[in-house]
Amino acid sequence: MSAPVDVNVSLLHAGDVFDTVGSGIGRVDYGDYTVVDVGAGFYFDEGRRHRLGLRLENLFDEDYGTSIGRGRRD
């Protein structure tokens, strides 16, 4: 029989991500960060069909870019 709890840790590392902006601005870095998520759960039955879980995302409160966009004047 396995324990009625589980614990998990998730690591997501983004490497070298950048964009090159004109008008003399040059290279703008967006990457080189790691996001850590942790979670835990408790199973209510032996068949492990009913679970109460808790998940904390971005444990260390990192600031990071999720996308790079660019606009132009019309």
C-alpha atoms as a PDB file:
ATOM      1  CA  MET A   1       0.000   0.000   0.000  1.00  0.00           C
ATOM      2  CA  SER A   2       1.337   3.440  -0.895  1.00  0.00           C
ATOM      3  CA  ALA A   3       1.205   6.575   1.254  1.00  0.00           C
ATOM      4  CA  PRO A   4      -1.976   8.718   1.046  1.00  0.00           C
ATOM      5  CA  VAL A   5       0.060  11.839   0.190  1.00  0.00           C
ATOM      6  CA  ASP A   6       2.176  12.955  -2.728  1.00  0.00           C
ATOM      7  CA  VAL A   7       4.581  15.859  -3.173  1.00  0.00           C
ATOM      8  CA  ASN A   8       5.948  17.240  -6.432  1.00  0.00           C
ATOM      9  CA  VAL A   9       8.384  19.876  -7.636  1.00  0.00           C
ATOM     10  CA  SER A  10       8.522  21.276 -11.152  1.00  0.00           C
ATOM     11  CA  LEU A  11      11.420  23.262 -12.641  1.00  0.00           C
ATOM     12  CA  LEU A  12      11.176  25.211 -15.886  1.00  0.00           C
ATOM     13  CA  HIS A  13      14.346  26.800 -17.213  1.00  0.00           C
ATOM     14  CA  ALA A  14      14.345  29.233 -20.131  1.00  0.00           C
ATOM     15  CA  GLY A  15      17.734  29.722 -21.707  1.00  0.00           C
ATOM     16  CA  ASP A  16      19.009  32.549 -23.884  1.00  0.00           C
ATOM     17  CA  VAL A  17      15.953  34.368 -25.288  1.00  0.00           C
ATOM     18  CA  PHE A  18      16.381  37.819 -26.829  1.00  0.00           C
ATOM     19  CA  ASP A  19      15.127  40.278 -29.419  1.00  0.00           C
ATOM     20  CA  THR A  20      17.101  42.815 -31.430  1.00  0.00           C
ATOM     21  CA  VAL A  21      15.408  46.208 -31.425  1.00  0.00           C
ATOM     22  CA  GLY A  22      16.194  48.930 -33.947  1.00  0.00           C
ATOM     23  CA  SER A  23      16.744  52.680 -33.392  1.00  0.00           C
ATOM     24  CA  GLY A  24      20.054  52.050 -31.646  1.00  0.00           C
ATOM     25  CA  ILE A  25      18.545  50.076 -28.761  1.00  0.00           C
ATOM     26  CA  GLY A  26      20.092  46.750 -29.790  1.00  0.00           C
ATOM     27  CA  ARG A  27      19.760  43.417 -28.028  1.00  0.00           C
ATOM     28  CA  VAL A  28      17.118  43.061 -25.280  1.00  0.00           C
ATOM     29  CA  ASP A  29      17.394  39.905 -23.146  1.00  0.00           C
ATOM     30  CA  TYR A  30      14.247  38.133 -21.925  1.00  0.00           C
ATOM     31  CA  GLY A  31      15.507  34.698 -20.923  1.00  0.00           C
ATOM     32  CA  ASP A  32      17.883  32.947 -18.565  1.00  0.00           C
ATOM     33  CA  TYR A  33      15.490  32.280 -15.686  1.00  0.00           C
ATOM     34  CA  THR A  34      14.157  29.273 -13.803  1.00  0.00           C
ATOM     35  CA  VAL A  35      10.616  29.008 -12.436  1.00  0.00           C
ATOM     36  CA  VAL A  36       9.957  26.608  -9.527  1.00  0.00           C
ATOM     37  CA  ASP A  37       6.476  25.183  -8.822  1.00  0.00           C
ATOM     38  CA  VAL A  38       5.664  22.930  -5.829  1.00  0.00           C
ATOM     39  CA  GLY A  39       2.567  20.901  -5.030  1.00  0.00           C
ATOM     40  CA  ALA A  40       1.151  18.380  -2.591  1.00  0.00           C
ATOM     41  CA  GLY A  41      -1.934  16.199  -2.472  1.00  0.00           C
ATOM     42  CA  PHE A  42      -3.851  13.993  -0.065  1.00  0.00           C
ATOM     43  CA  TYR A  43      -5.818  10.948  -1.249  1.00  0.00           C
ATOM     44  CA  PHE A  44      -9.067  10.188   0.600  1.00  0.00           C
ATOM     45  CA  ASP A  45      -9.439   6.568  -0.507  1.00  0.00           C
ATOM     46  CA  GLU A  46      -7.254   3.506  -1.043  1.00  0.00           C
ATOM     47  CA  GLY A  47      -8.081   3.444  -4.759  1.00  0.00           C
ATOM     48  CA  ARG A  48      -6.519   6.936  -5.073  1.00  0.00           C
ATOM     49  CA  ARG A  49      -9.547   8.244  -6.962  1.00  0.00           C
ATOM     50  CA  HIS A  50     -10.373  11.209  -4.695  1.00  0.00           C
ATOM     51  CA  ARG A  51      -7.628  13.745  -4.076  1.00  0.00           C
ATOM     52  CA  LEU A  52      -7.326  17.179  -2.516  1.00  0.00           C
ATOM     53  CA  GLY A  53      -4.361  19.076  -3.915  1.00  0.00           C
ATOM     54  CA  LEU A  54      -2.524  22.338  -3.404  1.00  0.00           C
ATOM     55  CA  ARG A  55      -0.130  23.896  -5.925  1.00  0.00           C
ATOM     56  CA  LEU A  56       2.097  26.951  -5.541  1.00  0.00           C
ATOM     57  CA  GLU A  57       3.383  28.295  -8.850  1.00  0.00           C
ATOM     58  CA  ASN A  58       6.401  30.583  -9.223  1.00  0.00           C
ATOM     59  CA  LEU A  59       7.641  29.827  -5.683  1.00  0.00           C
ATOM     60  CA  PHE A  60      10.407  32.447  -5.670  1.00  0.00           C
ATOM     61  CA  ASP A  61       8.239  35.155  -7.315  1.00  0.00           C
ATOM     62  CA  GLU A  62      10.473  35.521 -10.392  1.00  0.00           C
ATOM     63  CA  ASP A  63       9.628  38.105 -13.033  1.00  0.00           C
ATOM     64  CA  TYR A  64       9.823  36.631 -16.511  1.00  0.00           C
ATOM     65  CA  GLY A  65       8.597  37.257 -20.038  1.00  0.00           C
ATOM     66  CA  THR A  66       5.987  34.926 -21.473  1.00  0.00           C
ATOM     67  CA  SER A  67       6.065  36.322 -24.999  1.00  0.00           C
ATOM     68  CA  ILE A  68       7.808  38.846 -27.204  1.00  0.00           C
ATOM     69  CA  GLY A  69       5.713  41.167 -29.346  1.00  0.00           C
ATOM     70  CA  ARG A  70       6.392  44.091 -31.590  1.00  0.00           C
ATOM     71  CA  GLY A  71       4.128  46.827 -32.896  1.00  0.00           C
ATOM     72  CA  ARG A  72       4.552  49.351 -35.674  1.00  0.00           C
ATOM     73  CA  ARG A  73       2.960  52.712 -36.255  1.00  0.00           C
ATOM     74  CA  ASP A  74       0.485  52.796 -39.061  1.00  0.00           C
END
